[in-house]
Amino acid sequence: MIGPPVTGVLLAWLPIEQFFAVDAATFAASACAVALVGRGYA
């Protein structure tokens, strides 16, 4: 719910290189969170 508006604001505000760096960092954080949850929910 919050992701698309924040993405639009960041894309308008940041240079494209920094935008993709932020995108990569949030992807890595998400991957770490999924790894920490483990296979208990699968």
Protein backbone atom coordinates (compact mmCIF):
# COMPACT_ATOMS: atom_id res chain seq x y z
CA MET A 1 0.00 0.00 0.00
CA ILE A 2 2.77 2.42 0.84
CA GLY A 3 5.31 1.16 -1.73
CA PRO A 4 4.02 2.64 -4.99
CA PRO A 5 3.62 6.24 -3.74
CA VAL A 6 7.02 6.15 -2.04
CA THR A 7 8.57 4.74 -5.21
CA GLY A 8 7.06 7.53 -7.28
CA VAL A 9 8.36 10.21 -4.93
CA LEU A 10 11.84 8.67 -4.80
CA LEU A 11 11.97 8.31 -8.58
CA ALA A 12 11.06 11.97 -9.01
CA TRP A 13 13.45 13.14 -6.30
CA LEU A 14 16.58 10.97 -6.70
CA PRO A 15 18.92 10.56 -9.64
CA ILE A 16 18.31 7.21 -11.34
CA GLU A 17 21.57 5.69 -10.04
CA GLN A 18 20.68 6.44 -6.43
CA PHE A 19 17.13 5.26 -6.98
CA PHE A 20 18.36 1.84 -8.12
CA ALA A 21 20.83 1.72 -5.22
CA VAL A 22 17.95 2.28 -2.78
CA ASP A 23 15.89 -0.30 -4.66
CA ALA A 24 18.71 -2.86 -4.40
CA ALA A 25 19.15 -2.16 -0.68
CA THR A 26 15.47 -2.66 0.04
CA PHE A 27 15.49 -5.88 -2.02
CA ALA A 28 18.45 -7.16 0.02
CA ALA A 29 16.69 -6.25 3.27
CA SER A 30 13.59 -8.09 2.10
CA ALA A 31 15.62 -11.15 1.13
CA CYS A 32 17.27 -11.18 4.57
CA ALA A 33 13.88 -10.95 6.26
CA VAL A 34 12.56 -13.89 4.24
CA ALA A 35 15.69 -15.90 5.06
CA LEU A 36 15.26 -15.18 8.76
CA VAL A 37 11.67 -16.39 8.68
CA GLY A 38 12.96 -19.63 7.26
CA ARG A 39 10.96 -22.53 6.00
CA GLY A 40 8.65 -22.66 8.98
CA TYR A 41 5.91 -20.87 7.08
CA ALA A 42 6.36 -22.65 3.77
